[in-house]
Structure formats: structure tokens, C-alpha cells
PDB file of N, CA and C in Angstrom:
ATOM      1  N   UNK A   1     168.499  -2.468-128.835  1.00  0.00           N
ATOM      2  CA  UNK A   1     169.940  -2.302-128.220  1.00  0.00           C
ATOM      3  C   UNK A   1     169.698  -2.539-126.397  1.00  0.00           C
ATOM      4  N   UNK A   2     171.334  -3.176-126.221  1.00  0.00           N
ATOM      5  CA  UNK A   2     171.366  -3.515-125.331  1.00  0.00           C
ATOM      6  C   UNK A   2     171.840  -2.205-124.026  1.00  0.00           C
ATOM      7  N   UNK A   3     170.805  -1.894-123.045  1.00  0.00           N
ATOM      8  CA  UNK A   3     171.573  -1.226-122.127  1.00  0.00           C
ATOM      9  C   UNK A   3     172.251  -1.076-121.061  1.00  0.00           C
ATOM     10  N   UNK A   4     173.317  -0.745-120.182  1.00  0.00           N
ATOM     11  CA  UNK A   4     173.905  -0.925-119.690  1.00  0.00           C
ATOM     12  C   UNK A   4     174.417   0.187-118.824  1.00  0.00           C
ATOM     13  N   UNK A   5     174.091  -0.088-117.451  1.00  0.00           N
ATOM     14  CA  UNK A   5     174.632   0.796-116.528  1.00  0.00           C
ATOM     15  C   UNK A   5     175.237   0.319-115.406  1.00  0.00           C
ATOM     16  N   UNK A   6     176.282   1.369-114.747  1.00  0.00           N
ATOM     17  CA  UNK A   6     177.298   0.704-113.753  1.00  0.00           C
ATOM     18  C   UNK A   6     176.421   0.668-112.885  1.00  0.00           C
ATOM     19  N   UNK A   7     176.996  -0.795-112.371  1.00  0.00           N
ATOM     20  CA  UNK A   7     176.365  -1.192-111.128  1.00  0.00           C
ATOM     21  C   UNK A   7     176.897  -0.693-109.861  1.00  0.00           C
ATOM     22  N   UNK A   8     177.604   0.323-109.965  1.00  0.00           N
ATOM     23  CA  UNK A   8     178.172   1.161-108.557  1.00  0.00           C
ATOM     24  C   UNK A   8     177.854   2.614-108.698  1.00  0.00           C
ATOM     25  N   UNK A   9     177.466   3.198-110.059  1.00  0.00           N
ATOM     26  CA  UNK A   9     177.275   4.504-109.661  1.00  0.00           C
ATOM     27  C   UNK A   9     175.954   4.847-110.425  1.00  0.00           C
ATOM     28  N   UNK A  10     175.397   3.894-111.113  1.00  0.00           N
ATOM     29  CA  UNK A  10     174.304   3.688-112.058  1.00  0.00           C
ATOM     30  C   UNK A  10     174.106   4.671-113.131  1.00  0.00           C
ATOM     31  N   UNK A  11     175.323   4.925-113.600  1.00  0.00           N
ATOM     32  CA  UNK A  11     175.551   5.974-114.860  1.00  0.00           C
ATOM     33  C   UNK A  11     175.581   4.862-116.017  1.00  0.00           C
ATOM     34  N   UNK A  12     174.732   5.348-116.605  1.00  0.00           N
ATOM     35  CA  UNK A  12     174.622   4.844-118.301  1.00  0.00           C
ATOM     36  C   UNK A  12     175.807   4.766-118.996  1.00  0.00           C
ATOM     37  N   UNK A  13     176.096   3.622-119.536  1.00  0.00           N
ATOM     38  CA  UNK A  13     177.212   3.380-120.369  1.00  0.00           C
ATOM     39  C   UNK A  13     176.914   3.341-121.688  1.00  0.00           C
ATOM     40  N   UNK A  14     177.072   4.084-122.650  1.00  0.00           N
ATOM     41  CA  UNK A  14     176.720   3.923-124.082  1.00  0.00           C
ATOM     42  C   UNK A  14     177.736   3.078-124.908  1.00  0.00           C
ATOM     43  N   UNK A  15     177.577   1.998-125.437  1.00  0.00           N
ATOM     44  CA  UNK A  15     178.110   1.092-126.108  1.00  0.00           C
ATOM     45  C   UNK A  15     178.637   1.530-127.147  1.00  0.00           C
ATOM     46  N   UNK A  16     179.673   1.196-127.685  1.00  0.00           N
ATOM     47  CA  UNK A  16     180.700   1.513-128.406  1.00  0.00           C
ATOM     48  C   UNK A  16     181.751   3.503-128.124  1.00  0.00           C
ATOM     49  N   UNK A  17     180.654   4.201-127.121  1.00  0.00           N
ATOM     50  CA  UNK A  17     181.142   5.354-126.979  1.00  0.00           C
ATOM     51  C   UNK A  17     181.680   5.264-125.773  1.00  0.00           C
ATOM     52  N   UNK A  18     181.399   4.446-124.241  1.00  0.00           N
ATOM     53  CA  UNK A  18     182.029   5.031-123.291  1.00  0.00           C
ATOM     54  C   UNK A  18     182.804   3.458-123.047  1.00  0.00           C
ATOM     55  N   UNK A  19     183.768   3.746-122.236  1.00  0.00           N
ATOM     56  CA  UNK A  19     184.493   2.245-121.520  1.00  0.00           C
ATOM     57  C   UNK A  19     183.854   1.513-120.729  1.00  0.00           C
ATOM     58  N   UNK A  20     183.749   0.531-120.871  1.00  0.00           N
ATOM     59  CA  UNK A  20     182.988  -0.734-120.275  1.00  0.00           C
ATOM     60  C   UNK A  20     183.774  -1.357-119.723  1.00  0.00           C
ATOM     61  N   UNK A  21     183.599  -2.044-118.361  1.00  0.00           N
ATOM     62  CA  UNK A  21     184.347  -2.641-117.445  1.00  0.00           C
ATOM     63  C   UNK A  21     183.654  -3.996-116.888  1.00  0.00           C
ATOM     64  N   UNK A  22     183.743  -5.164-116.774  1.00  0.00           N
ATOM     65  CA  UNK A  22     183.327  -6.354-116.321  1.00  0.00           C
ATOM     66  C   UNK A  22     183.959  -6.815-115.320  1.00  0.00           C
ATOM     67  N   UNK A  23     183.677  -6.875-113.750  1.00  0.00           N
ATOM     68  CA  UNK A  23     184.183  -7.401-112.727  1.00  0.00           C
ATOM     69  C   UNK A  23     183.316  -8.892-112.195  1.00  0.00           C
ATOM     70  N   UNK A  24     184.257  -9.867-112.288  1.00  0.00           N
ATOM     71  CA  UNK A  24     183.823 -11.252-112.201  1.00  0.00           C
ATOM     72  C   UNK A  24     184.274 -11.433-111.119  1.00  0.00           C
ATOM     73  N   UNK A  25     183.364 -12.517-110.049  1.00  0.00           N
ATOM     74  CA  UNK A  25     183.794 -12.778-108.706  1.00  0.00           C
ATOM     75  C   UNK A  25     183.371 -14.350-108.191  1.00  0.00           C
ATOM     76  N   UNK A  26     184.256 -14.908-107.987  1.00  0.00           N
ATOM     77  CA  UNK A  26     183.264 -16.152-107.236  1.00  0.00           C
ATOM     78  C   UNK A  26     183.893 -16.626-105.882  1.00  0.00           C
ATOM     79  N   UNK A  27     182.746 -16.779-104.789  1.00  0.00           N
ATOM     80  CA  UNK A  27     182.641 -17.010-103.566  1.00  0.00           C
ATOM     81  C   UNK A  27     182.666 -18.441-103.308  1.00  0.00           C
ATOM     82  N   UNK A  28     184.009 -18.931-103.013  1.00  0.00           N
ATOM     83  CA  UNK A  28     183.504 -20.478-102.201  1.00  0.00           C
ATOM     84  C   UNK A  28     183.723 -20.409-100.965  1.00  0.00           C
ATOM     85  N   UNK A  29     183.187 -21.656-100.533  1.00  0.00           N
ATOM     86  CA  UNK A  29     183.212 -21.954 -99.100  1.00  0.00           C
ATOM     87  C   UNK A  29     184.342 -23.017 -98.899  1.00  0.00           C
ATOM     88  N   UNK A  30     185.441 -22.645 -97.789  1.00  0.00           N
ATOM     89  CA  UNK A  30     186.452 -23.310 -97.530  1.00  0.00           C
ATOM     90  C   UNK A  30     185.894 -24.031 -96.334  1.00  0.00           C
ATOM     91  N   UNK A  31     186.396 -25.401 -96.468  1.00  0.00           N
ATOM     92  CA  UNK A  31     186.081 -26.543 -95.235  1.00  0.00           C
ATOM     93  C   UNK A  31     187.237 -26.840 -94.898  1.00  0.00           C
ATOM     94  N   UNK A  32     187.791 -26.759 -93.372  1.00  0.00           N
ATOM     95  CA  UNK A  32     189.155 -27.424 -92.985  1.00  0.00           C
ATOM     96  C   UNK A  32     188.864 -28.484 -92.763  1.00  0.00           C
ATOM     97  N   UNK A  33     189.469 -29.621 -92.810  1.00  0.00           N
ATOM     98  CA  UNK A  33     189.575 -30.728 -92.446  1.00  0.00           C
ATOM     99  C   UNK A  33     190.160 -31.176 -91.377  1.00  0.00           C
ATOM    100  N   UNK A  34     189.809 -31.982 -90.463  1.00  0.00           N
ATOM    101  CA  UNK A  34     190.273 -32.515 -89.175  1.00  0.00           C
ATOM    102  C   UNK A  34     190.788 -33.695 -89.136  1.00  0.00           C
ATOM    103  N   UNK A  35     191.875 -34.096 -88.441  1.00  0.00           N
ATOM    104  CA  UNK A  35     192.656 -35.393 -88.594  1.00  0.00           C
ATOM    105  C   UNK A  35     191.560 -36.549 -88.349  1.00  0.00           C
ATOM    106  N   UNK A  36     191.430 -37.570 -88.569  1.00  0.00           N
ATOM    107  CA  UNK A  36     190.447 -38.903 -88.515  1.00  0.00           C
ATOM    108  C   UNK A  36     191.541 -39.555 -87.345  1.00  0.00           C
ATOM    109  N   UNK A  37     190.648 -39.771 -86.378  1.00  0.00           N
ATOM    110  CA  UNK A  37     191.211 -40.665 -85.122  1.00  0.00           C
ATOM    111  C   UNK A  37     189.986 -41.666 -85.169  1.00  0.00           C
ATOM    112  N   UNK A  38     190.522 -42.927 -83.901  1.00  0.00           N
ATOM    113  CA  UNK A  38     190.238 -43.645 -83.499  1.00  0.00           C
ATOM    114  C   UNK A  38     188.814 -43.625 -83.022  1.00  0.00           C
ATOM    115  N   UNK A  39     187.945 -42.465 -82.765  1.00  0.00           N
ATOM    116  CA  UNK A  39     186.720 -42.732 -82.109  1.00  0.00           C
ATOM    117  C   UNK A  39     185.870 -42.333 -83.273  1.00  0.00           C
ATOM    118  N   UNK A  40     186.328 -41.702 -84.447  1.00  0.00           N
ATOM    119  CA  UNK A  40     185.799 -41.534 -85.715  1.00  0.00           C
ATOM    120  C   UNK A  40     185.553 -42.763 -86.133  1.00  0.00           C
ATOM    121  N   UNK A  41     185.983 -43.466 -86.261  1.00  0.00           N
ATOM    122  CA  UNK A  41     186.250 -45.307 -86.587  1.00  0.00           C
ATOM    123  C   UNK A  41     185.177 -45.854 -86.117  1.00  0.00           C
ATOM    124  N   UNK A  42     185.050 -45.563 -84.638  1.00  0.00           N
ATOM    125  CA  UNK A  42     184.162 -46.093 -83.636  1.00  0.00           C
ATOM    126  C   UNK A  42     182.919 -45.998 -84.288  1.00  0.00           C
ATOM    127  N   UNK A  43     182.694 -44.588 -84.186  1.00  0.00           N
ATOM    128  CA  UNK A  43     181.141 -43.980 -84.405  1.00  0.00           C
ATOM    129  C   UNK A  43     179.720 -44.903 -85.360  1.00  0.00           C
ATOM    130  N   UNK A  44     178.639 -44.915 -84.969  1.00  0.00           N
ATOM    131  CA  UNK A  44     178.199 -45.311 -85.687  1.00  0.00           C
ATOM    132  C   UNK A  44     177.485 -44.195 -86.892  1.00  0.00           C
ATOM    133  N   UNK A  45     178.027 -44.320 -87.968  1.00  0.00           N
ATOM    134  CA  UNK A  45     177.583 -43.204 -88.763  1.00  0.00           C
ATOM    135  C   UNK A  45     176.322 -43.399 -89.468  1.00  0.00           C
ATOM    136  N   UNK A  46     176.204 -44.622 -89.824  1.00  0.00           N
ATOM    137  CA  UNK A  46     174.890 -44.679 -89.903  1.00  0.00           C
ATOM    138  C   UNK A  46     173.305 -43.839 -89.271  1.00  0.00           C
ATOM    139  N   UNK A  47     173.604 -44.096 -88.102  1.00  0.00           N
ATOM    140  CA  UNK A  47     172.459 -43.476 -87.061  1.00  0.00           C
ATOM    141  C   UNK A  47     172.655 -42.287 -87.235  1.00  0.00           C
ATOM    142  N   UNK A  48     173.984 -41.222 -86.978  1.00  0.00           N
ATOM    143  CA  UNK A  48     174.245 -40.076 -87.211  1.00  0.00           C
ATOM    144  C   UNK A  48     173.658 -39.724 -88.429  1.00  0.00           C
ATOM    145  N   UNK A  49     173.528 -40.212 -89.705  1.00  0.00           N
ATOM    146  CA  UNK A  49     173.191 -39.658 -90.716  1.00  0.00           C
ATOM    147  C   UNK A  49     171.900 -39.728 -90.956  1.00  0.00           C
ATOM    148  N   UNK A  50     171.010 -40.996 -90.021  1.00  0.00           N
ATOM    149  CA  UNK A  50     169.521 -40.854 -90.115  1.00  0.00           C
ATOM    150  C   UNK A  50     168.930 -39.343 -89.036  1.00  0.00           C
ATOM    151  N   UNK A  51     169.896 -39.294 -88.304  1.00  0.00           N
ATOM    152  CA  UNK A  51     169.636 -38.293 -87.255  1.00  0.00           C
ATOM    153  C   UNK A  51     169.498 -37.084 -88.077  1.00  0.00           C
ATOM    154  N   UNK A  52     170.402 -36.694 -88.674  1.00  0.00           N
ATOM    155  CA  UNK A  52     170.651 -35.971 -89.496  1.00  0.00           C
ATOM    156  C   UNK A  52     169.378 -35.351 -90.602  1.00  0.00           C
ATOM    157  N   UNK A  53     169.304 -36.393 -91.297  1.00  0.00           N
ATOM    158  CA  UNK A  53     167.895 -36.459 -92.299  1.00  0.00           C
ATOM    159  C   UNK A  53     166.744 -35.966 -91.417  1.00  0.00           C
ATOM    160  N   UNK A  54     166.561 -36.631 -89.980  1.00  0.00           N
ATOM    161  CA  UNK A  54     165.479 -36.368 -89.820  1.00  0.00           C
ATOM    162  C   UNK A  54     165.022 -34.599 -89.004  1.00  0.00           C
ATOM    163  N   UNK A  55     166.354 -34.188 -88.681  1.00  0.00           N
ATOM    164  CA  UNK A  55     166.417 -32.725 -88.534  1.00  0.00           C
ATOM    165  C   UNK A  55     166.237 -31.679 -89.691  1.00  0.00           C
ATOM    166  N   UNK A  56     166.748 -32.774 -91.073  1.00  0.00           N
ATOM    167  CA  UNK A  56     166.611 -31.602 -92.209  1.00  0.00           C
ATOM    168  C   UNK A  56     165.256 -32.099 -92.515  1.00  0.00           C
ATOM    169  N   UNK A  57     164.371 -32.740 -92.506  1.00  0.00           N
ATOM    170  CA  UNK A  57     162.766 -32.799 -92.755  1.00  0.00           C
ATOM    171  C   UNK A  57     162.139 -32.130 -91.752  1.00  0.00           C
ATOM    172  N   UNK A  58     162.536 -32.136 -90.746  1.00  0.00           N
ATOM    173  CA  UNK A  58     161.938 -31.322 -89.485  1.00  0.00           C
ATOM    174  C   UNK A  58     161.617 -29.184 -90.107  1.00  0.00           C
ATOM    175  N   UNK A  59     163.611 -29.310 -90.362  1.00  0.00           N
ATOM    176  CA  UNK A  59     163.383 -27.639 -90.869  1.00  0.00           C
ATOM    177  C   UNK A  59     163.628 -27.375 -92.372  1.00  0.00           C
ATOM    178  N   UNK A  60     163.007 -28.436 -92.966  1.00  0.00           N
ATOM    179  CA  UNK A  60     162.688 -27.903 -94.591  1.00  0.00           C
ATOM    180  C   UNK A  60     162.887 -26.756 -94.998  1.00  0.00           C
ATOM    181  N   UNK A  61     161.801 -26.112 -94.667  1.00  0.00           N
ATOM    182  CA  UNK A  61     161.590 -24.503 -94.980  1.00  0.00           C
ATOM    183  C   UNK A  61     162.808 -23.305 -94.765  1.00  0.00           C
ATOM    184  N   UNK A  62     163.714 -23.867 -93.884  1.00  0.00           N
ATOM    185  CA  UNK A  62     164.693 -22.850 -93.580  1.00  0.00           C
ATOM    186  C   UNK A  62     165.962 -23.704 -93.906  1.00  0.00           C
ATOM    187  N   UNK A  63     167.083 -22.827 -94.619  1.00  0.00           N
ATOM    188  CA  UNK A  63     167.982 -23.232 -95.372  1.00  0.00           C
ATOM    189  C   UNK A  63     169.147 -22.777 -94.392  1.00  0.00           C
ATOM    190  N   UNK A  64     169.849 -24.200 -94.096  1.00  0.00           N
ATOM    191  CA  UNK A  64     170.655 -24.077 -93.470  1.00  0.00           C
ATOM    192  C   UNK A  64     172.114 -23.268 -93.387  1.00  0.00           C
ATOM    193  N   UNK A  65     172.578 -23.278 -94.705  1.00  0.00           N
ATOM    194  CA  UNK A  65     173.571 -23.070 -95.283  1.00  0.00           C
ATOM    195  C   UNK A  65     173.537 -22.017 -96.657  1.00  0.00           C
ATOM    196  N   UNK A  66     174.640 -21.301 -96.561  1.00  0.00           N
ATOM    197  CA  UNK A  66     174.486 -20.498 -97.829  1.00  0.00           C
ATOM    198  C   UNK A  66     174.995 -21.542 -99.052  1.00  0.00           C
ATOM    199  N   UNK A  67     174.789 -21.218-100.038  1.00  0.00           N
ATOM    200  CA  UNK A  67     175.314 -22.255-101.026  1.00  0.00           C
ATOM    201  C   UNK A  67     176.703 -22.068-101.122  1.00  0.00           C
ATOM    202  N   UNK A  68     177.549 -22.911-101.481  1.00  0.00           N
ATOM    203  CA  UNK A  68     179.054 -23.272-101.531  1.00  0.00           C
ATOM    204  C   UNK A  68     179.758 -22.394-102.292  1.00  0.00           C
ATOM    205  N   UNK A  69     179.297 -21.968-103.777  1.00  0.00           N
ATOM    206  CA  UNK A  69     179.890 -21.132-104.208  1.00  0.00           C
ATOM    207  C   UNK A  69     178.847 -20.557-104.985  1.00  0.00           C
ATOM    208  N   UNK A  70     179.226 -19.225-105.234  1.00  0.00           N
ATOM    209  CA  UNK A  70     178.710 -18.272-105.923  1.00  0.00           C
ATOM    210  C   UNK A  70     179.761 -17.442-106.776  1.00  0.00           C
ATOM    211  N   UNK A  71     178.935 -17.082-108.017  1.00  0.00           N
ATOM    212  CA  UNK A  71     179.525 -16.540-108.960  1.00  0.00           C
ATOM    213  C   UNK A  71     178.866 -14.913-109.178  1.00  0.00           C
ATOM    214  N   UNK A  72     179.283 -14.008-109.257  1.00  0.00           N
ATOM    215  CA  UNK A  72     179.126 -12.570-109.093  1.00  0.00           C
ATOM    216  C   UNK A  72     179.556 -12.011-110.110  1.00  0.00           C
ATOM    217  N   UNK A  73     179.041 -10.839-110.940  1.00  0.00           N
ATOM    218  CA  UNK A  73     179.128 -10.482-112.169  1.00  0.00           C
ATOM    219  C   UNK A  73     178.870  -8.994-112.085  1.00  0.00           C
ATOM    220  N   UNK A  74     179.735  -8.092-112.364  1.00  0.00           N
ATOM    221  CA  UNK A  74     179.150  -6.597-112.211  1.00  0.00           C
ATOM    222  C   UNK A  74     179.641  -5.717-113.379  1.00  0.00           C
ATOM    223  N   UNK A  75     178.817  -4.637-113.962  1.00  0.00           N
ATOM    224  CA  UNK A  75     179.652  -3.969-115.185  1.00  0.00           C
ATOM    225  C   UNK A  75     179.951  -2.913-114.603  1.00  0.00           C
ATOM    226  N   UNK A  76     181.301  -1.767-115.123  1.00  0.00           N
ATOM    227  CA  UNK A  76     181.434  -0.578-114.232  1.00  0.00           C
ATOM    228  C   UNK A  76     181.935   0.167-114.955  1.00  0.00           C
ATOM    229  N   UNK A  77     181.840   1.614-115.050  1.00  0.00           N
ATOM    230  CA  UNK A  77     181.904   2.605-115.866  1.00  0.00           C
ATOM    231  C   UNK A  77     183.358   2.931-115.453  1.00  0.00           C
ATOM    232  N   UNK A  78     184.337   3.662-116.422  1.00  0.00           N
ATOM    233  CA  UNK A  78     185.534   3.994-116.393  1.00  0.00           C
ATOM    234  C   UNK A  78     186.066   4.311-114.564  1.00  0.00           C
ATOM    235  N   UNK A  79     185.300   5.389-114.330  1.00  0.00           N
ATOM    236  CA  UNK A  79     185.770   5.774-113.450  1.00  0.00           C
ATOM    237  C   UNK A  79     185.505   4.894-111.540  1.00  0.00           C
ATOM    238  N   UNK A  80     184.089   4.649-111.707  1.00  0.00           N
ATOM    239  CA  UNK A  80     184.241   3.130-110.888  1.00  0.00           C
ATOM    240  C   UNK A  80     185.217   2.241-110.734  1.00  0.00           C
ATOM    241  N   UNK A  81     185.288   1.568-112.175  1.00  0.00           N
ATOM    242  CA  UNK A  81     186.997   0.688-112.427  1.00  0.00           C
ATOM    243  C   UNK A  81     188.011   1.294-111.474  1.00  0.00           C
ATOM    244  N   UNK A  82     188.502   2.412-111.500  1.00  0.00           N
ATOM    245  CA  UNK A  82     189.386   2.750-110.914  1.00  0.00           C
ATOM    246  C   UNK A  82     189.201   2.690-109.685  1.00  0.00           C
ATOM    247  N   UNK A  83     188.250   3.046-108.938  1.00  0.00           N
ATOM    248  CA  UNK A  83     187.903   3.185-107.568  1.00  0.00           C
ATOM    249  C   UNK A  83     187.789   1.856-106.824  1.00  0.00           C
ATOM    250  N   UNK A  84     187.149   0.904-107.552  1.00  0.00           N
ATOM    251  CA  UNK A  84     187.434  -0.457-107.343  1.00  0.00           C
ATOM    252  C   UNK A  84     188.720  -0.800-107.317  1.00  0.00           C
ATOM    253  N   UNK A  85     189.585  -0.750-107.929  1.00  0.00           N
ATOM    254  CA  UNK A  85     190.607  -1.209-108.215  1.00  0.00           C
ATOM    255  C   UNK A  85     191.677  -0.460-107.259  1.00  0.00           C
ATOM    256  N   UNK A  86     191.183   0.628-106.675  1.00  0.00           N
ATOM    257  CA  UNK A  86     192.080   1.160-105.486  1.00  0.00           C
ATOM    258  C   UNK A  86     191.757   0.460-104.280  1.00  0.00           C
ATOM    259  N   UNK A  87     190.415  -0.067-104.362  1.00  0.00           N
ATOM    260  CA  UNK A  87     189.802  -0.251-102.879  1.00  0.00           C
ATOM    261  C   UNK A  87     188.576  -1.426-103.382  1.00  0.00           C
ATOM    262  N   UNK A  88     189.309  -2.554-103.558  1.00  0.00           N
ATOM    263  CA  UNK A  88     188.150  -3.825-104.262  1.00  0.00           C
ATOM    264  C   UNK A  88     187.244  -4.505-102.687  1.00  0.00           C
ATOM    265  N   UNK A  89     187.942  -4.118-101.608  1.00  0.00           N
ATOM    266  CA  UNK A  89     186.770  -4.249-100.406  1.00  0.00           C
ATOM    267  C   UNK A  89     186.243  -3.716 -99.898  1.00  0.00           C
ATOM    268  N   UNK A  90     186.050  -2.156-100.223  1.00  0.00           N
ATOM    269  CA  UNK A  90     185.417  -1.201 -99.983  1.00  0.00           C
ATOM    270  C   UNK A  90     185.439  -1.070 -98.416  1.00  0.00           C
ATOM    271  N   UNK A  91     186.886  -1.085 -98.140  1.00  0.00           N
ATOM    272  CA  UNK A  91     187.236  -0.834 -96.434  1.00  0.00           C
ATOM    273  C   UNK A  91     187.755   0.552 -96.214  1.00  0.00           C
ATOM    274  N   UNK A  92     187.300   0.873 -94.957  1.00  0.00           N
ATOM    275  CA  UNK A  92     187.763   2.069 -94.707  1.00  0.00           C
ATOM    276  C   UNK A  92     188.950   2.315 -94.567  1.00  0.00           C
ATOM    277  N   UNK A  93     189.437   3.779 -95.263  1.00  0.00           N
ATOM    278  CA  UNK A  93     191.110   3.634 -95.247  1.00  0.00           C
ATOM    279  C   UNK A  93     191.338   4.247 -93.925  1.00  0.00           C
ATOM    280  N   UNK A  94     192.706   3.476 -93.397  1.00  0.00           N
ATOM    281  CA  UNK A  94     192.884   3.124 -91.742  1.00  0.00           C
ATOM    282  C   UNK A  94     193.696   4.779 -91.651  1.00  0.00           C
ATOM    283  N   UNK A  95     193.472   5.346 -90.451  1.00  0.00           N
ATOM    284  CA  UNK A  95     194.006   6.445 -90.409  1.00  0.00           C
ATOM    285  C   UNK A  95     195.507   6.739 -90.564  1.00  0.00           C
ATOM    286  N   UNK A  96     196.064   7.757 -91.483  1.00  0.00           N
ATOM    287  CA  UNK A  96     197.417   7.659 -91.092  1.00  0.00           C
ATOM    288  C   UNK A  96     198.079   9.230 -90.116  1.00  0.00           C
ATOM    289  N   UNK A  97     198.983   8.965 -89.745  1.00  0.00           N
ATOM    290  CA  UNK A  97     199.340  10.100 -89.080  1.00  0.00           C
ATOM    291  C   UNK A  97     200.714  10.532 -89.471  1.00  0.00           C
ATOM    292  N   UNK A  98     200.782  12.033 -89.617  1.00  0.00           N
ATOM    293  CA  UNK A  98     202.113  12.809 -90.090  1.00  0.00           C
ATOM    294  C   UNK A  98     202.804  13.284 -88.792  1.00  0.00           C
ATOM    295  N   UNK A  99     204.001  12.864 -88.904  1.00  0.00           N
ATOM    296  CA  UNK A  99     204.437  13.319 -88.013  1.00  0.00           C
ATOM    297  C   UNK A  99     205.876  14.327 -88.525  1.00  0.00           C
ATOM    298  N   UNK A 100     206.187  15.455 -87.588  1.00  0.00           N
ATOM    299  CA  UNK A 100     206.944  16.521 -88.313  1.00  0.00           C
ATOM    300  C   UNK A 100     208.071  15.656 -88.271  1.00  0.00           C
ATOM    301  N   UNK A 101     209.430  15.889 -88.553  1.00  0.00           N
ATOM    302  CA  UNK A 101     211.152  15.637 -88.504  1.00  0.00           C
ATOM    303  C   UNK A 101     211.090  16.700 -87.715  1.00  0.00           C
ATOM    304  N   UNK A 102     211.946  16.117 -86.767  1.00  0.00           N
ATOM    305  CA  UNK A 102     212.577  17.129 -85.846  1.00  0.00           C
ATOM    306  C   UNK A 102     213.884  17.091 -85.889  1.00  0.00           C
TER     307      UNK A 102
END
């Protein structure tokens, strides 16, 4: 029997009895492209690539960048689904001021 728990509150979700929701997210790295200039065309790119490879070999144990794309999946109970939909980024609500009418 497959056992599912809510990834937010930890409540066990009974198959067929409780409503079960799945949230799937993809996180992608975006790279901004800079315009190509004459100076870029004049550079010796083979030397730059060679230098980058040497630096990568020296720092082989350290991962310099996180993965460009990550796929995430979360199981949610009905209550946590509602909470997630109201505030998907988990940000603190901004303070609201209530002014009296004069």
C-alpha cells in the first residue's frame, strides 16, 4: 500500500478517503544576453577556454553553479493546498493600515 504524507504539515493522506493534491514546479536559470561587440570578435577565445578548463580542473571538487533546471514535486492535503494557493511564495503579509473615515 502506498503511504502518502503532506509535505507541508506531515499529515498522513489516506488513499481514496482524503483529497490529495500534487504541486509541480520547475525552476529555470535565465541568462541575459549581452550584445556582441567588435572587442568580443577580436578576443582569442581558444585561450579563454583553455584558461577556464585549467581553473575547472583546479576546483574540481567545488560545484560552481547550481543546476540550470530543477523539477520539484510536493504532495499536499486539502488544507495545505488552500494555504499554498493563498500564498505560494510563503511571504509574510504586508502590514495593512486601517484608517477611520473622517
